[in-house]
């Protein structure tokens, strides 16, 4: 028996949320197992990105107004803060991809704090994996195309080191480049969204449980703390959602540039 159980009325036990938060059945009975809430809102997020930029740039005007203003602000942010520092002269060519990645992931993350939806799509590992694999396939393809197969693999290894060092360095470098880099690219986004959603669910459930579900004189203060912490963490989560989209797109730009030119 824990402290939260003691504070609840009638001896009822408070059940903290767990992995069941991320387990969704099919949308309707007899439906395909893959057709779940995360899949639907992954598609909704993609459609929202299309609608946003179609509305902003379908009929651009010399003096931007309304949605065009918003679209141009988003474009300039991705161009100046994500693409240009890594891609330089190649920035414009890769802006469609980087814009799509940044805003798609950001919309997916924001769903976590929207009433009724309240679920970050990227907290299902499959979605970050698909995006990370796509980015990495592009990186390797560019490397093979622009540097050639031999130079692409040899350029990954620094030159001028003592021969015995290469016996250790080569497998580490290849493991890092071809396995760990895409793995961490996906897991960083997934882990932050998974952990953030779990923590928010816990404190919001604490507030609801002790203020409405099982109110007691002792538990009232715990419920208030739960609500206040939920509000603070929601603000923090909004920042983290933005930063994770930014970091994912920034790493994508870095990987693309490493394919276009040798890393060492």
Protein backbone atom coordinates (compact mmCIF):
# COMPACT_ATOMS: atom_id res chain seq x y z
CA UNK A 1 0.00 0.00 0.00
CA UNK A 2 1.41 3.37 -1.00
CA UNK A 3 0.74 6.93 0.16
CA UNK A 4 -1.71 7.64 -2.65
CA UNK A 5 -3.75 4.60 -1.68
CA UNK A 6 -3.99 5.77 1.95
CA UNK A 7 -5.21 9.21 0.89
CA UNK A 8 -8.03 7.81 -1.25
CA UNK A 9 -11.45 7.30 0.34
CA UNK A 10 -12.74 3.84 1.06
CA UNK A 11 -9.34 2.26 0.71
CA UNK A 12 -9.62 2.23 -3.07
CA UNK A 13 -6.25 1.97 -4.73
CA UNK A 14 -4.95 4.62 -7.08
CA UNK A 15 -3.72 3.02 -10.30
CA UNK A 16 -0.96 4.94 -12.02
CA UNK A 17 -1.16 4.97 -15.82
CA UNK A 18 1.22 2.64 -17.63
CA UNK A 19 1.87 1.14 -21.07
CA UNK A 20 -1.87 0.71 -21.60
CA UNK A 21 -1.92 4.42 -22.50
CA UNK A 22 -0.29 3.48 -25.81
CA UNK A 23 -2.31 0.36 -26.59
CA UNK A 24 -5.18 1.16 -28.96
CA UNK A 25 -7.70 -1.31 -30.35
CA UNK A 26 -9.04 -1.04 -33.92
CA UNK A 27 -11.35 1.92 -34.44
CA UNK A 28 -14.35 -0.33 -34.94
CA UNK A 29 -15.25 -3.94 -34.25
CA UNK A 30 -14.02 -6.24 -36.99
CA UNK A 31 -11.79 -3.53 -38.44
CA UNK A 32 -8.17 -4.14 -39.43
CA UNK A 33 -5.78 -4.22 -36.48
CA UNK A 34 -3.58 -1.50 -37.97
CA UNK A 35 -6.44 1.02 -38.21
CA UNK A 36 -6.06 2.63 -34.79
CA UNK A 37 -6.20 6.12 -33.32
CA UNK A 38 -2.44 6.81 -33.81
CA UNK A 39 -2.63 5.81 -37.49
CA UNK A 40 -5.65 8.03 -38.10
CA UNK A 41 -4.06 11.06 -36.48
CA UNK A 42 -0.75 10.41 -38.24
CA UNK A 43 -2.68 10.84 -41.48
CA UNK A 44 -4.59 13.82 -40.06
CA UNK A 45 -1.28 15.49 -39.18
CA UNK A 46 0.03 14.96 -42.72
CA UNK A 47 -3.19 16.39 -44.19
CA UNK A 48 -2.97 19.42 -41.89
CA UNK A 49 0.55 20.15 -43.13
CA UNK A 50 -0.68 19.94 -46.74
CA UNK A 51 -3.68 22.19 -46.02
CA UNK A 52 -1.55 24.72 -44.12
CA UNK A 53 0.94 25.26 -46.92
CA UNK A 54 -1.54 24.93 -49.74
CA UNK A 55 -3.59 27.67 -48.09
CA UNK A 56 -0.48 29.78 -47.50
CA UNK A 57 1.20 29.45 -50.91
CA UNK A 58 -1.42 28.39 -53.46
CA UNK A 59 -1.92 32.02 -54.49
CA UNK A 60 1.01 33.98 -53.04
CA UNK A 61 0.84 37.76 -53.07
CA UNK A 62 3.64 40.30 -53.16
CA UNK A 63 2.47 41.69 -49.81
CA UNK A 64 1.70 38.61 -47.69
CA UNK A 65 -1.42 38.52 -45.54
CA UNK A 66 -3.19 36.01 -43.33
CA UNK A 67 -2.08 32.41 -43.86
CA UNK A 68 0.67 33.46 -46.23
CA UNK A 69 2.26 35.40 -43.38
CA UNK A 70 2.20 32.30 -41.18
CA UNK A 71 3.55 30.12 -43.97
CA UNK A 72 6.42 32.50 -44.72
CA UNK A 73 7.37 32.74 -41.04
CA UNK A 74 7.49 28.95 -40.87
CA UNK A 75 9.48 28.75 -44.08
CA UNK A 76 12.03 31.33 -42.95
CA UNK A 77 12.45 29.63 -39.59
CA UNK A 78 13.18 26.23 -41.12
CA UNK A 79 15.41 27.78 -43.80
CA UNK A 80 17.47 30.00 -41.48
CA UNK A 81 17.62 27.86 -38.32
CA UNK A 82 17.61 24.30 -39.67
CA UNK A 83 18.57 24.05 -43.33
CA UNK A 84 21.02 26.86 -44.11
CA UNK A 85 23.52 26.25 -41.24
CA UNK A 86 24.15 22.72 -42.60
CA UNK A 87 23.22 22.75 -46.27
CA UNK A 88 24.44 26.18 -47.37
CA UNK A 89 24.04 26.51 -51.14
CA UNK A 90 21.94 23.32 -51.23
CA UNK A 91 19.32 24.75 -48.85
CA UNK A 92 16.56 25.57 -51.34
CA UNK A 93 16.65 22.12 -52.92
CA UNK A 94 15.96 20.38 -49.61
CA UNK A 95 13.50 22.84 -48.09
CA UNK A 96 10.35 20.88 -49.10
CA UNK A 97 11.57 17.78 -47.29
CA UNK A 98 12.79 19.61 -44.18
CA UNK A 99 9.64 21.77 -43.99
CA UNK A 100 7.48 18.65 -44.23
CA UNK A 101 9.47 16.81 -41.55
CA UNK A 102 9.50 19.70 -39.10
CA UNK A 103 5.83 20.58 -39.32
CA UNK A 104 4.60 16.99 -39.53
CA UNK A 105 6.46 16.01 -36.36
CA UNK A 106 5.43 19.21 -34.60
CA UNK A 107 1.76 18.63 -35.41
CA UNK A 108 2.04 15.00 -34.32
CA UNK A 109 3.52 16.13 -31.01
CA UNK A 110 1.00 18.92 -30.40
CA UNK A 111 -1.83 16.39 -30.59
CA UNK A 112 -0.76 15.35 -27.07
CA UNK A 113 -2.23 18.51 -25.52
CA UNK A 114 -5.29 18.93 -27.74
CA UNK A 115 -8.51 17.92 -25.92
CA UNK A 116 -10.15 14.71 -27.13
CA UNK A 117 -7.05 13.70 -29.15
CA UNK A 118 -4.57 13.89 -26.25
CA UNK A 119 -2.02 11.56 -27.79
CA UNK A 120 1.38 12.29 -29.37
CA UNK A 121 1.65 10.22 -32.53
CA UNK A 122 5.45 10.03 -32.24
CA UNK A 123 5.13 8.17 -28.92
CA UNK A 124 4.49 5.07 -31.03
CA UNK A 125 7.97 3.98 -32.06
CA UNK A 126 6.88 2.89 -35.55
CA UNK A 127 6.33 6.46 -36.75
CA UNK A 128 9.74 7.88 -35.75
CA UNK A 129 11.40 4.75 -37.16
CA UNK A 130 9.76 5.23 -40.56
CA UNK A 131 10.88 8.88 -40.70
CA UNK A 132 14.41 8.11 -39.49
CA UNK A 133 14.83 5.25 -41.99
CA UNK A 134 13.58 7.49 -44.80
CA UNK A 135 16.11 10.20 -43.87
CA UNK A 136 18.89 7.66 -43.67
CA UNK A 137 18.08 6.05 -47.01
CA UNK A 138 18.28 9.53 -48.54
CA UNK A 139 21.63 10.13 -46.80
CA UNK A 140 23.19 6.89 -48.02
CA UNK A 141 21.80 7.34 -51.54
CA UNK A 142 23.28 10.85 -51.75
CA UNK A 143 26.60 9.61 -50.43
CA UNK A 144 26.84 6.83 -53.00
CA UNK A 145 25.73 9.14 -55.81
CA UNK A 146 27.90 12.17 -55.06
CA UNK A 147 30.99 10.52 -53.62
CA UNK A 148 30.93 7.11 -55.26
CA UNK A 149 30.70 3.77 -53.40
CA UNK A 150 34.41 3.50 -52.57
CA UNK A 151 34.97 7.09 -51.51
CA UNK A 152 31.71 7.22 -49.54
CA UNK A 153 32.76 4.37 -47.26
CA UNK A 154 36.42 5.41 -47.02
CA UNK A 155 35.58 9.07 -46.36
CA UNK A 156 33.87 8.00 -43.15
CA UNK A 157 37.26 7.14 -41.69
CA UNK A 158 39.75 9.87 -40.68
CA UNK A 159 43.06 9.81 -42.51
CA UNK A 160 46.58 9.85 -41.10
CA UNK A 161 46.13 7.73 -37.99
CA UNK A 162 48.44 4.88 -36.90
CA UNK A 163 47.49 1.57 -38.52
CA UNK A 164 46.59 -0.29 -35.27
CA UNK A 165 44.03 2.43 -34.46
CA UNK A 166 42.00 1.53 -37.56
CA UNK A 167 41.31 -1.99 -36.29
CA UNK A 168 39.28 -0.40 -33.51
CA UNK A 169 38.12 2.77 -35.24
CA UNK A 170 36.68 1.28 -38.46
CA UNK A 171 34.06 -1.02 -36.88
CA UNK A 172 33.14 1.67 -34.33
CA UNK A 173 32.73 4.30 -37.05
CA UNK A 174 30.62 2.06 -39.28
CA UNK A 175 28.51 0.86 -36.37
CA UNK A 176 27.93 4.46 -35.29
CA UNK A 177 27.14 5.68 -38.79
CA UNK A 178 24.91 2.91 -40.09
CA UNK A 179 23.26 1.55 -36.94
CA UNK A 180 23.47 3.89 -33.96
CA UNK A 181 22.84 7.17 -35.79
CA UNK A 182 19.45 6.22 -37.32
CA UNK A 183 18.52 4.33 -34.15
CA UNK A 184 19.13 7.34 -31.89
CA UNK A 185 17.49 9.65 -34.44
CA UNK A 186 14.23 7.72 -34.02
CA UNK A 187 14.50 6.84 -30.33
CA UNK A 188 15.24 10.41 -29.21
CA UNK A 189 11.91 11.60 -30.58
CA UNK A 190 9.99 8.52 -29.43
CA UNK A 191 11.41 8.48 -25.88
CA UNK A 192 10.71 12.15 -25.23
CA UNK A 193 7.12 11.91 -26.44
CA UNK A 194 6.53 8.61 -24.63
CA UNK A 195 7.92 9.86 -21.32
CA UNK A 196 6.24 13.26 -21.56
CA UNK A 197 2.83 11.75 -22.26
CA UNK A 198 3.18 9.24 -19.41
CA UNK A 199 4.17 11.92 -16.88
CA UNK A 200 1.37 14.26 -17.96
CA UNK A 201 -1.15 11.44 -17.74
CA UNK A 202 0.05 10.55 -14.24
CA UNK A 203 -0.29 14.02 -12.74
CA UNK A 204 -3.57 14.78 -14.51
CA UNK A 205 -4.97 11.49 -13.21
CA UNK A 206 -3.77 12.36 -9.68
CA UNK A 207 -5.67 15.65 -9.89
CA UNK A 208 -8.83 14.03 -11.24
CA UNK A 209 -8.73 11.12 -8.80
CA UNK A 210 -8.31 13.11 -5.60
CA UNK A 211 -10.56 16.03 -6.56
CA UNK A 212 -13.41 14.24 -8.33
CA UNK A 213 -13.20 10.46 -8.35
CA UNK A 214 -12.27 9.82 -4.69
CA UNK A 215 -12.25 13.20 -2.88
CA UNK A 216 -11.12 13.26 0.74
CA UNK A 217 -9.96 15.97 3.12
CA UNK A 218 -6.43 14.53 3.11
CA UNK A 219 -6.37 13.95 -0.62
CA UNK A 220 -7.64 17.41 -1.62
CA UNK A 221 -4.20 18.97 -1.35
CA UNK A 222 -2.68 16.15 -3.40
CA UNK A 223 -5.30 16.73 -6.08
CA UNK A 224 -4.54 20.46 -6.21
CA UNK A 225 -0.82 19.72 -6.53
CA UNK A 226 -1.61 17.27 -9.33
CA UNK A 227 -3.56 19.92 -11.25
CA UNK A 228 -0.88 22.60 -10.78
CA UNK A 229 1.92 20.26 -11.80
CA UNK A 230 -0.10 19.21 -14.87
CA UNK A 231 -0.45 22.85 -15.94
CA UNK A 232 3.28 23.51 -15.53
CA UNK A 233 4.26 20.29 -17.28
CA UNK A 234 1.89 21.01 -20.16
CA UNK A 235 3.69 24.30 -20.79
CA UNK A 236 7.03 22.48 -20.59
CA UNK A 237 5.75 19.74 -22.87
CA UNK A 238 4.75 22.31 -25.50
CA UNK A 239 8.36 23.51 -25.54
CA UNK A 240 9.72 19.96 -25.72
CA UNK A 241 7.33 19.12 -28.57
CA UNK A 242 8.70 22.02 -30.57
CA UNK A 243 12.32 21.23 -29.71
CA UNK A 244 11.98 17.57 -30.70
CA UNK A 245 10.58 18.52 -34.10
CA UNK A 246 13.41 21.03 -34.46
CA UNK A 247 16.11 18.51 -33.48
CA UNK A 248 14.76 15.79 -35.76
CA UNK A 249 14.69 18.13 -38.76
CA UNK A 250 18.09 19.60 -37.87
CA UNK A 251 19.68 16.14 -37.72
CA UNK A 252 18.01 15.31 -41.03
CA UNK A 253 19.68 18.37 -42.58
CA UNK A 254 23.02 17.33 -41.10
CA UNK A 255 22.69 13.78 -42.45
CA UNK A 256 21.73 15.06 -45.91
CA UNK A 257 24.81 17.29 -46.01
CA UNK A 258 27.02 14.42 -44.90
CA UNK A 259 25.74 12.49 -47.91
CA UNK A 260 26.40 15.37 -50.27
CA UNK A 261 29.96 15.91 -49.02
CA UNK A 262 32.50 13.87 -47.11
CA UNK A 263 32.22 14.04 -43.33
CA UNK A 264 35.98 14.10 -42.71
